[in-house]
Protein backbone atom coordinates (compact mmCIF):
# COMPACT_ATOMS: atom_id res chain seq x y z
CA MET A 1 -37.52 34.32 -39.43
CA VAL A 2 -37.65 30.58 -40.05
CA GLU A 3 -41.13 29.11 -40.16
CA PRO A 4 -41.80 25.41 -39.54
CA LYS A 5 -42.86 23.35 -42.56
CA SER A 6 -45.33 21.30 -40.54
CA ASP A 7 -48.27 22.14 -38.31
CA VAL A 8 -47.43 19.19 -36.04
CA PRO A 9 -46.38 20.45 -32.58
CA THR A 10 -42.81 19.64 -31.65
CA PHE A 11 -41.36 18.65 -28.31
CA THR A 12 -38.14 17.33 -26.85
CA THR A 13 -38.64 13.82 -25.48
CA LEU A 14 -36.14 14.17 -22.64
CA ASN A 15 -37.64 17.48 -21.56
CA GLU A 16 -41.14 16.01 -21.54
CA PHE A 17 -39.88 13.06 -19.50
CA PHE A 18 -38.21 15.36 -16.95
CA VAL A 19 -41.37 17.50 -16.68
CA LEU A 20 -43.24 14.29 -15.90
CA LEU A 21 -40.78 13.41 -13.13
CA ASP A 22 -40.08 16.83 -11.55
CA PRO A 23 -42.30 19.67 -12.80
CA SER A 24 -41.17 22.05 -10.06
CA TYR A 25 -37.75 22.24 -11.71
CA TYR A 26 -38.35 21.48 -15.40
CA ALA A 27 -41.90 22.60 -16.18
CA ASP A 28 -42.72 25.79 -18.02
CA GLU A 29 -44.71 27.87 -15.54
CA GLU A 30 -46.58 29.65 -18.34
CA LEU A 31 -48.02 26.32 -19.53
CA ASN A 32 -49.13 25.38 -16.00
CA GLN A 33 -47.42 21.98 -16.11
CA ASN A 34 -46.94 21.82 -12.34
CA VAL A 35 -50.04 19.67 -11.75
CA SER A 36 -50.75 16.25 -10.27
CA LEU A 37 -48.96 13.15 -11.53
CA PRO A 38 -51.99 11.68 -13.39
CA LEU A 39 -52.51 14.94 -15.29
CA ARG A 40 -48.79 15.17 -16.07
CA LEU A 41 -48.91 11.60 -17.37
CA VAL A 42 -51.89 12.44 -19.60
CA ASN A 43 -50.05 15.53 -20.94
CA PHE A 44 -46.92 13.45 -21.55
CA LEU A 45 -48.83 10.80 -23.51
CA LYS A 46 -50.76 13.44 -25.46
CA ASN A 47 -47.54 15.16 -26.50
CA ILE A 48 -45.85 11.90 -27.45
CA LEU A 49 -48.82 10.65 -29.48
CA THR A 50 -49.77 13.89 -31.25
CA GLY A 51 -46.44 15.68 -31.61
CA CYS A 52 -43.05 15.13 -33.13
CA ASP A 53 -39.55 15.21 -31.65
CA PRO A 54 -37.37 16.73 -34.40
CA ILE A 55 -34.29 14.92 -33.08
CA PHE A 56 -35.88 11.56 -33.91
CA ASP A 57 -37.56 12.58 -37.19
CA GLU A 58 -36.37 10.14 -39.86
CA LYS A 59 -37.34 12.57 -42.65
CA ASP A 60 -34.97 15.30 -41.40
CA MET A 61 -31.78 14.04 -39.79
CA LEU A 62 -30.19 17.51 -39.42
CA PRO A 63 -31.49 18.15 -35.85
CA PHE A 64 -30.11 14.79 -34.71
CA PHE A 65 -26.68 15.48 -36.15
CA MET A 66 -26.57 19.08 -34.97
CA VAL A 67 -27.38 18.19 -31.36
CA ASN A 68 -25.02 15.23 -31.17
CA PHE A 69 -22.12 16.41 -33.33
CA PHE A 70 -22.24 20.20 -33.01
CA GLN A 71 -24.14 21.44 -29.95
CA MET A 72 -22.66 19.03 -27.39
CA PRO A 73 -19.04 19.50 -28.51
CA MET A 74 -19.53 23.28 -28.54
CA LEU A 75 -20.96 23.21 -25.00
CA LEU A 76 -18.01 21.14 -23.82
CA MET A 77 -15.48 23.43 -25.53
CA ASP A 78 -17.18 26.50 -24.01
CA THR A 79 -17.02 24.89 -20.57
CA CYS A 80 -13.32 24.16 -21.00
CA TYR A 81 -12.59 27.62 -22.40
CA ALA A 82 -14.40 29.32 -19.48
CA ASN A 83 -12.59 27.03 -17.02
CA ARG A 84 -15.87 25.94 -15.43
CA PRO A 85 -16.38 22.51 -13.90
CA TRP A 86 -18.22 20.11 -16.15
CA LYS A 87 -21.13 18.62 -14.23
CA LYS A 88 -23.60 17.60 -16.92
CA ILE A 89 -24.56 18.22 -20.51
CA ASP A 90 -27.69 20.35 -20.56
CA PHE A 91 -29.33 20.76 -23.93
């Protein structure tokens, strides 16, 4: 099992933004994120100010490169291989 080197909580900026906009679809029900807009905004700001998005961490560029140059091309190749329509890239 891989353990994180830091105690700083991590988040994905785009996911947090989408939870802010439409929690009924994007929110994690276990975390009870489907609350009023002001509370969602407070949670969003708290996560942004106290956490870290590994994709934008200048000390470790591997997550950025893996998402952009490995994960996305693999998702597109899998979509083509399975002969499914490509509608969006969902990380």
